[in-house]
C-alpha atoms as a PDB file:
ATOM      1  CA  MET A   1    -120.681  55.656  -0.317  1.00  0.00           C
ATOM      2  CA  LYS A   2    -123.674  57.673  -1.509  1.00  0.00           C
ATOM      3  CA  LYS A   3    -121.676  59.316  -4.260  1.00  0.00           C
ATOM      4  CA  SER A   4    -120.553  55.953  -5.657  1.00  0.00           C
ATOM      5  CA  LEU A   5    -124.102  54.609  -5.534  1.00  0.00           C
ATOM      6  CA  PHE A   6    -125.423  57.549  -7.510  1.00  0.00           C
ATOM      7  CA  LEU A   7    -122.659  57.067 -10.066  1.00  0.00           C
ATOM      8  CA  PHE A   8    -123.671  53.414 -10.315  1.00  0.00           C
ATOM      9  CA  ILE A   9    -127.269  54.363 -11.084  1.00  0.00           C
ATOM     10  CA  GLY A  10    -126.146  56.950 -13.535  1.00  0.00           C
ATOM     11  CA  CYS A  11    -124.165  54.324 -15.416  1.00  0.00           C
ATOM     12  CA  LEU A  12    -127.122  51.979 -15.428  1.00  0.00           C
ATOM     13  CA  SER A  13    -129.606  54.468 -16.785  1.00  0.00           C
ATOM     14  CA  LEU A  14    -127.824  57.021 -18.889  1.00  0.00           C
ATOM     15  CA  PHE A  15    -124.343  56.116 -19.978  1.00  0.00           C
ATOM     16  CA  ALA A  16    -124.150  59.618 -21.489  1.00  0.00           C
ATOM     17  CA  MET A  17    -125.894  58.433 -24.612  1.00  0.00           C
ATOM     18  CA  PRO A  18    -128.268  59.867 -27.258  1.00  0.00           C
ATOM     19  CA  PHE A  19    -131.976  59.622 -26.879  1.00  0.00           C
ATOM     20  CA  VAL A  20    -134.209  58.267 -29.657  1.00  0.00           C
ATOM     21  CA  SER A  21    -137.903  57.958 -30.262  1.00  0.00           C
ATOM     22  CA  CYS A  22    -139.731  54.597 -30.729  1.00  0.00           C
ATOM     23  CA  GLY A  23    -139.974  55.267 -34.431  1.00  0.00           C
ATOM     24  CA  GLU A  24    -136.255  55.059 -35.253  1.00  0.00           C
ATOM     25  CA  THR A  25    -135.088  51.800 -36.736  1.00  0.00           C
ATOM     26  CA  ASP A  26    -131.980  49.628 -36.827  1.00  0.00           C
ATOM     27  CA  THR A  27    -131.536  45.852 -36.890  1.00  0.00           C
ATOM     28  CA  GLU A  28    -134.146  45.208 -34.303  1.00  0.00           C
ATOM     29  CA  ALA A  29    -133.014  41.739 -33.371  1.00  0.00           C
ATOM     30  CA  ASP A  30    -129.618  43.178 -32.561  1.00  0.00           C
ATOM     31  CA  LEU A  31    -130.873  46.215 -30.662  1.00  0.00           C
ATOM     32  CA  TYR A  32    -133.004  44.093 -28.392  1.00  0.00           C
ATOM     33  CA  ALA A  33    -130.542  41.211 -28.157  1.00  0.00           C
ATOM     34  CA  ASP A  34    -130.890  39.178 -24.932  1.00  0.00           C
ATOM     35  CA  TRP A  35    -133.619  41.666 -23.900  1.00  0.00           C
ATOM     36  CA  GLU A  36    -135.237  39.553 -21.191  1.00  0.00           C
ATOM     37  CA  ASN A  37    -132.032  38.785 -19.391  1.00  0.00           C
ATOM     38  CA  ARG A  38    -130.657  42.358 -19.673  1.00  0.00           C
ATOM     39  CA  ASN A  39    -133.896  43.805 -18.200  1.00  0.00           C
ATOM     40  CA  GLN A  40    -133.850  41.255 -15.360  1.00  0.00           C
ATOM     41  CA  HIS A  41    -130.220  42.046 -14.555  1.00  0.00           C
ATOM     42  CA  TYR A  42    -131.023  45.804 -14.627  1.00  0.00           C
ATOM     43  CA  ILE A  43    -133.947  45.609 -12.241  1.00  0.00           C
ATOM     44  CA  ASP A  44    -131.995  43.228  -9.903  1.00  0.00           C
ATOM     45  CA  SER A  45    -129.203  45.815  -9.803  1.00  0.00           C
ATOM     46  CA  ILE A  46    -131.672  48.643  -9.133  1.00  0.00           C
ATOM     47  CA  ALA A  47    -133.211  46.586  -6.319  1.00  0.00           C
ATOM     48  CA  VAL A  48    -129.839  46.144  -4.626  1.00  0.00           C
ATOM     49  CA  VAL A  49    -129.124  49.886  -4.634  1.00  0.00           C
ATOM     50  CA  ALA A  50    -132.666  50.828  -3.608  1.00  0.00           C
ATOM     51  CA  ARG A  51    -132.878  48.448  -0.678  1.00  0.00           C
ATOM     52  CA  ALA A  52    -129.528  49.700   0.634  1.00  0.00           C
ATOM     53  CA  ASN A  53    -130.625  53.331   0.499  1.00  0.00           C
ATOM     54  CA  THR A  54    -134.216  53.597   1.660  1.00  0.00           C
ATOM     55  CA  GLY A  55    -135.486  56.791   3.217  1.00  0.00           C
ATOM     56  CA  THR A  56    -137.733  59.816   2.764  1.00  0.00           C
ATOM     57  CA  GLU A  57    -135.292  62.500   1.544  1.00  0.00           C
ATOM     58  CA  PRO A  58    -134.224  63.461  -2.002  1.00  0.00           C
ATOM     59  CA  GLY A  59    -131.626  61.008  -3.207  1.00  0.00           C
ATOM     60  CA  GLN A  60    -133.053  58.151  -1.099  1.00  0.00           C
ATOM     61  CA  TRP A  61    -135.286  55.406  -2.261  1.00  0.00           C
ATOM     62  CA  LYS A  62    -138.684  53.859  -1.628  1.00  0.00           C
ATOM     63  CA  VAL A  63    -139.114  50.138  -2.230  1.00  0.00           C
ATOM     64  CA  ILE A  64    -142.840  49.570  -2.667  1.00  0.00           C
ATOM     65  CA  HIS A  65    -144.562  46.171  -2.862  1.00  0.00           C
ATOM     66  CA  SER A  66    -147.184  45.803  -5.640  1.00  0.00           C
ATOM     67  CA  TYR A  67    -150.697  46.578  -4.404  1.00  0.00           C
ATOM     68  CA  LYS A  68    -151.936  43.478  -6.282  1.00  0.00           C
ATOM     69  CA  PHE A  69    -149.914  40.967  -4.320  1.00  0.00           C
ATOM     70  CA  SER A  70    -150.273  39.650  -0.805  1.00  0.00           C
ATOM     71  CA  PRO A  71    -147.545  40.763   1.612  1.00  0.00           C
ATOM     72  CA  PRO A  72    -144.392  38.678   1.139  1.00  0.00           C
ATOM     73  CA  LEU A  73    -143.464  35.955   3.610  1.00  0.00           C
ATOM     74  CA  SER A  74    -140.870  36.982   6.082  1.00  0.00           C
ATOM     75  CA  GLY A  75    -137.322  36.472   4.775  1.00  0.00           C
ATOM     76  CA  THR A  76    -138.382  36.261   1.167  1.00  0.00           C
ATOM     77  CA  PHE A  77    -137.814  38.759  -1.625  1.00  0.00           C
ATOM     78  CA  ASN A  78    -138.686  38.765  -5.339  1.00  0.00           C
ATOM     79  CA  ALA A  79    -137.342  41.802  -7.165  1.00  0.00           C
ATOM     80  CA  ASN A  80    -140.124  41.632  -9.699  1.00  0.00           C
ATOM     81  CA  ASP A  81    -142.853  42.166  -7.076  1.00  0.00           C
ATOM     82  CA  TYR A  82    -141.713  45.661  -6.192  1.00  0.00           C
ATOM     83  CA  VAL A  83    -141.501  49.189  -7.649  1.00  0.00           C
ATOM     84  CA  TYR A  84    -138.309  51.155  -6.962  1.00  0.00           C
ATOM     85  CA  CYS A  85    -138.640  54.909  -6.569  1.00  0.00           C
ATOM     86  CA  ARG A  86    -135.714  57.350  -6.172  1.00  0.00           C
ATOM     87  CA  ILE A  87    -136.936  60.546  -4.597  1.00  0.00           C
ATOM     88  CA  LEU A  88    -136.048  63.680  -6.544  1.00  0.00           C
ATOM     89  CA  GLU A  89    -138.369  66.224  -4.803  1.00  0.00           C
ATOM     90  CA  ASN A  90    -140.786  66.011  -1.938  1.00  0.00           C
ATOM     91  CA  GLY A  91    -144.296  67.456  -2.087  1.00  0.00           C
ATOM     92  CA  GLU A  92    -146.849  68.110   0.627  1.00  0.00           C
ATOM     93  CA  GLY A  93    -150.156  67.608  -1.208  1.00  0.00           C
ATOM     94  CA  ALA A  94    -152.744  64.824  -1.325  1.00  0.00           C
ATOM     95  CA  THR A  95    -152.029  61.195  -2.021  1.00  0.00           C
ATOM     96  CA  PRO A  96    -154.281  59.591  -4.700  1.00  0.00           C
ATOM     97  CA  LEU A  97    -156.414  56.536  -3.940  1.00  0.00           C
ATOM     98  CA  PHE A  98    -157.101  53.746  -6.403  1.00  0.00           C
ATOM     99  CA  THR A  99    -160.360  55.369  -7.335  1.00  0.00           C
ATOM    100  CA  ASP A 100    -158.879  58.835  -7.944  1.00  0.00           C
ATOM    101  CA  THR A 101    -157.536  60.557 -10.964  1.00  0.00           C
ATOM    102  CA  ALA A 102    -153.978  61.871 -10.911  1.00  0.00           C
ATOM    103  CA  ALA A 103    -152.641  64.832 -12.977  1.00  0.00           C
ATOM    104  CA  VAL A 104    -149.070  63.884 -13.869  1.00  0.00           C
ATOM    105  CA  SER A 105    -146.091  65.000 -15.924  1.00  0.00           C
ATOM    106  CA  TYR A 106    -143.702  62.228 -16.958  1.00  0.00           C
ATOM    107  CA  ARG A 107    -141.218  60.847 -19.391  1.00  0.00           C
ATOM    108  CA  GLY A 108    -141.184  57.091 -19.917  1.00  0.00           C
ATOM    109  CA  GLN A 109    -138.076  55.264 -21.093  1.00  0.00           C
ATOM    110  CA  LEU A 110    -136.588  51.798 -21.527  1.00  0.00           C
ATOM    111  CA  ILE A 111    -133.167  50.557 -20.527  1.00  0.00           C
ATOM    112  CA  PRO A 112    -130.385  51.236 -23.037  1.00  0.00           C
ATOM    113  CA  LEU A 113    -130.520  49.253 -26.284  1.00  0.00           C
ATOM    114  CA  SER A 114    -127.500  47.242 -27.327  1.00  0.00           C
ATOM    115  CA  ASN A 115    -126.145  50.243 -29.301  1.00  0.00           C
ATOM    116  CA  GLY A 116    -126.335  52.513 -26.274  1.00  0.00           C
ATOM    117  CA  THR A 117    -129.396  54.550 -27.176  1.00  0.00           C
ATOM    118  CA  VAL A 118    -132.278  55.130 -24.751  1.00  0.00           C
ATOM    119  CA  VAL A 119    -135.807  54.845 -26.134  1.00  0.00           C
ATOM    120  CA  THR A 120    -138.362  57.296 -24.951  1.00  0.00           C
ATOM    121  CA  PHE A 121    -141.714  55.639 -25.492  1.00  0.00           C
ATOM    122  CA  GLU A 122    -144.002  58.332 -24.076  1.00  0.00           C
ATOM    123  CA  GLU A 123    -143.682  61.814 -22.560  1.00  0.00           C
ATOM    124  CA  THR A 124    -145.927  64.724 -21.613  1.00  0.00           C
ATOM    125  CA  TYR A 125    -143.228  67.434 -22.091  1.00  0.00           C
ATOM    126  CA  SER A 126    -140.153  68.022 -24.194  1.00  0.00           C
ATOM    127  CA  GLY A 127    -136.758  69.040 -22.938  1.00  0.00           C
ATOM    128  CA  GLU A 128    -136.572  69.646 -19.234  1.00  0.00           C
ATOM    129  CA  LEU A 129    -139.696  69.647 -17.069  1.00  0.00           C
ATOM    130  CA  ASN A 130    -141.011  73.120 -16.405  1.00  0.00           C
ATOM    131  CA  LYS A 131    -143.800  72.844 -13.859  1.00  0.00           C
ATOM    132  CA  GLU A 132    -145.025  76.333 -14.656  1.00  0.00           C
ATOM    133  CA  THR A 133    -145.659  75.703 -18.324  1.00  0.00           C
ATOM    134  CA  SER A 134    -146.184  71.959 -18.561  1.00  0.00           C
ATOM    135  CA  SER A 135    -149.630  70.471 -19.293  1.00  0.00           C
ATOM    136  CA  PRO A 136    -150.100  67.494 -17.002  1.00  0.00           C
ATOM    137  CA  SER A 137    -151.887  64.410 -18.285  1.00  0.00           C
ATOM    138  CA  LYS A 138    -154.792  63.074 -16.285  1.00  0.00           C
ATOM    139  CA  HIS A 139    -154.698  59.340 -15.459  1.00  0.00           C
ATOM    140  CA  ALA A 140    -157.189  57.240 -13.603  1.00  0.00           C
ATOM    141  CA  VAL A 141    -155.090  55.420 -11.058  1.00  0.00           C
ATOM    142  CA  SER A 142    -157.214  52.279 -11.558  1.00  0.00           C
ATOM    143  CA  GLY A 143    -156.561  52.386 -15.323  1.00  0.00           C
ATOM    144  CA  SER A 144    -152.815  52.578 -15.055  1.00  0.00           C
ATOM    145  CA  VAL A 145    -150.406  49.636 -15.302  1.00  0.00           C
ATOM    146  CA  THR A 146    -149.822  47.943 -11.956  1.00  0.00           C
ATOM    147  CA  GLY A 147    -146.376  49.466 -11.231  1.00  0.00           C
ATOM    148  CA  PHE A 148    -147.438  53.000 -12.197  1.00  0.00           C
ATOM    149  CA  ALA A 149    -150.541  52.795 -10.012  1.00  0.00           C
ATOM    150  CA  THR A 150    -148.515  51.380  -7.151  1.00  0.00           C
ATOM    151  CA  ALA A 151    -146.132  54.305  -7.213  1.00  0.00           C
ATOM    152  CA  LEU A 152    -148.869  56.876  -7.524  1.00  0.00           C
ATOM    153  CA  MET A 153    -150.709  55.583  -4.461  1.00  0.00           C
ATOM    154  CA  HIS A 154    -147.585  56.327  -2.386  1.00  0.00           C
ATOM    155  CA  MET A 155    -146.886  59.777  -3.768  1.00  0.00           C
ATOM    156  CA  LYS A 156    -148.056  63.189  -2.624  1.00  0.00           C
ATOM    157  CA  ALA A 157    -148.930  66.014  -4.956  1.00  0.00           C
ATOM    158  CA  GLY A 158    -145.620  67.837  -5.574  1.00  0.00           C
ATOM    159  CA  ASP A 159    -143.526  64.683  -5.376  1.00  0.00           C
ATOM    160  CA  ARG A 160    -141.116  63.976  -8.228  1.00  0.00           C
ATOM    161  CA  TRP A 161    -139.641  60.455  -8.409  1.00  0.00           C
ATOM    162  CA  MET A 162    -137.615  58.322 -10.732  1.00  0.00           C
ATOM    163  CA  VAL A 163    -139.760  55.137 -10.874  1.00  0.00           C
ATOM    164  CA  TYR A 164    -138.365  51.799 -11.978  1.00  0.00           C
ATOM    165  CA  ILE A 165    -141.013  49.219 -12.843  1.00  0.00           C
ATOM    166  CA  PRO A 166    -140.107  45.545 -13.561  1.00  0.00           C
ATOM    167  CA  TYR A 167    -141.771  44.005 -16.603  1.00  0.00           C
ATOM    168  CA  SER A 168    -144.121  41.906 -14.454  1.00  0.00           C
ATOM    169  CA  LEU A 169    -145.716  45.139 -13.105  1.00  0.00           C
ATOM    170  CA  GLY A 170    -145.618  46.811 -16.520  1.00  0.00           C
ATOM    171  CA  TYR A 171    -146.544  45.238 -19.827  1.00  0.00           C
ATOM    172  CA  GLY A 172    -145.485  41.739 -18.973  1.00  0.00           C
ATOM    173  CA  SER A 173    -143.983  39.208 -21.375  1.00  0.00           C
ATOM    174  CA  ALA A 174    -146.231  40.284 -24.245  1.00  0.00           C
ATOM    175  CA  GLY A 175    -145.368  43.984 -24.310  1.00  0.00           C
ATOM    176  CA  LYS A 176    -147.570  46.677 -25.828  1.00  0.00           C
ATOM    177  CA  ASN A 177    -147.330  48.453 -29.174  1.00  0.00           C
ATOM    178  CA  THR A 178    -143.612  49.427 -29.611  1.00  0.00           C
ATOM    179  CA  ILE A 179    -142.715  48.326 -26.070  1.00  0.00           C
ATOM    180  CA  LYS A 180    -141.195  44.859 -26.217  1.00  0.00           C
ATOM    181  CA  GLY A 181    -142.190  42.118 -23.748  1.00  0.00           C
ATOM    182  CA  TYR A 182    -140.018  41.904 -20.609  1.00  0.00           C
ATOM    183  CA  SER A 183    -139.282  45.653 -20.684  1.00  0.00           C
ATOM    184  CA  THR A 184    -138.392  47.500 -17.524  1.00  0.00           C
ATOM    185  CA  LEU A 185    -140.330  50.812 -17.534  1.00  0.00           C
ATOM    186  CA  ILE A 186    -138.464  53.882 -16.216  1.00  0.00           C
ATOM    187  CA  PHE A 187    -140.365  57.046 -15.464  1.00  0.00           C
ATOM    188  CA  ASP A 188    -139.401  60.568 -14.423  1.00  0.00           C
ATOM    189  CA  LEU A 189    -142.721  61.146 -12.744  1.00  0.00           C
ATOM    190  CA  TYR A 190    -144.087  64.325 -11.245  1.00  0.00           C
ATOM    191  CA  LEU A 191    -147.501  64.271  -9.435  1.00  0.00           C
ATOM    192  CA  ASP A 192    -149.096  67.613 -10.102  1.00  0.00           C
ATOM    193  CA  ASP A 193    -152.538  67.185  -8.580  1.00  0.00           C
ATOM    194  CA  VAL A 194    -155.128  64.681  -7.353  1.00  0.00           C
ATOM    195  CA  TYR A 195    -158.812  64.597  -8.306  1.00  0.00           C
ATOM    196  CA  PRO A 196    -160.945  62.439  -5.947  1.00  0.00           C
ATOM    197  CA  LEU A 197    -163.724  60.356  -7.261  1.00  0.00           C
ATOM    198  CA  LYS A 198    -166.879  62.511  -7.603  1.00  0.00           C
ATOM    199  CA  GLY A 199    -169.117  62.209  -4.629  1.00  0.00           C
ATOM    200  CA  LYS A 200    -166.339  60.872  -2.348  1.00  0.00           C
ATOM    201  CA  LYS A 201    -165.895  62.753   0.873  1.00  0.00           C
END
């Protein structure tokens, strides 16, 4: 069962396709055809797999409700109110608070375009992550998009997760720069260190 689920996720996210940068062009209307619906279907599919495989070990998932929303009513579920995190590695360090700064290494991508390519919109390293040589980027948790901040506040230093953020907890319907509105954000995220707010005990 687990093996088939991982294959399902692999098909959703990779499809054994080439990677491109945001700068490459094609017929944009075609590449992003039915973008809103495709992203919603993608995050709904991720939600099904994640909710069926929650746990704390590598390969299992965390389903985390957005810190900005009130707890959901019993028996209700909106896939766009949650961040879905597949555990790759477990750490044992500190967990950042909203007021802290996090040192992170990450690669941010979108779901596959209509021609099968995967857009990488931001990354702090090239190739495979090498924790010994990478230069983590420092992010104020409070200054991060809602989904990114939600995930960070549940991680420990040393954790590495695949984080799936619905558009509502990312850049919304408007998008940002080269990221189209309604885009699911997918991060390979490693939390390197936590820097508490100065003066905080």
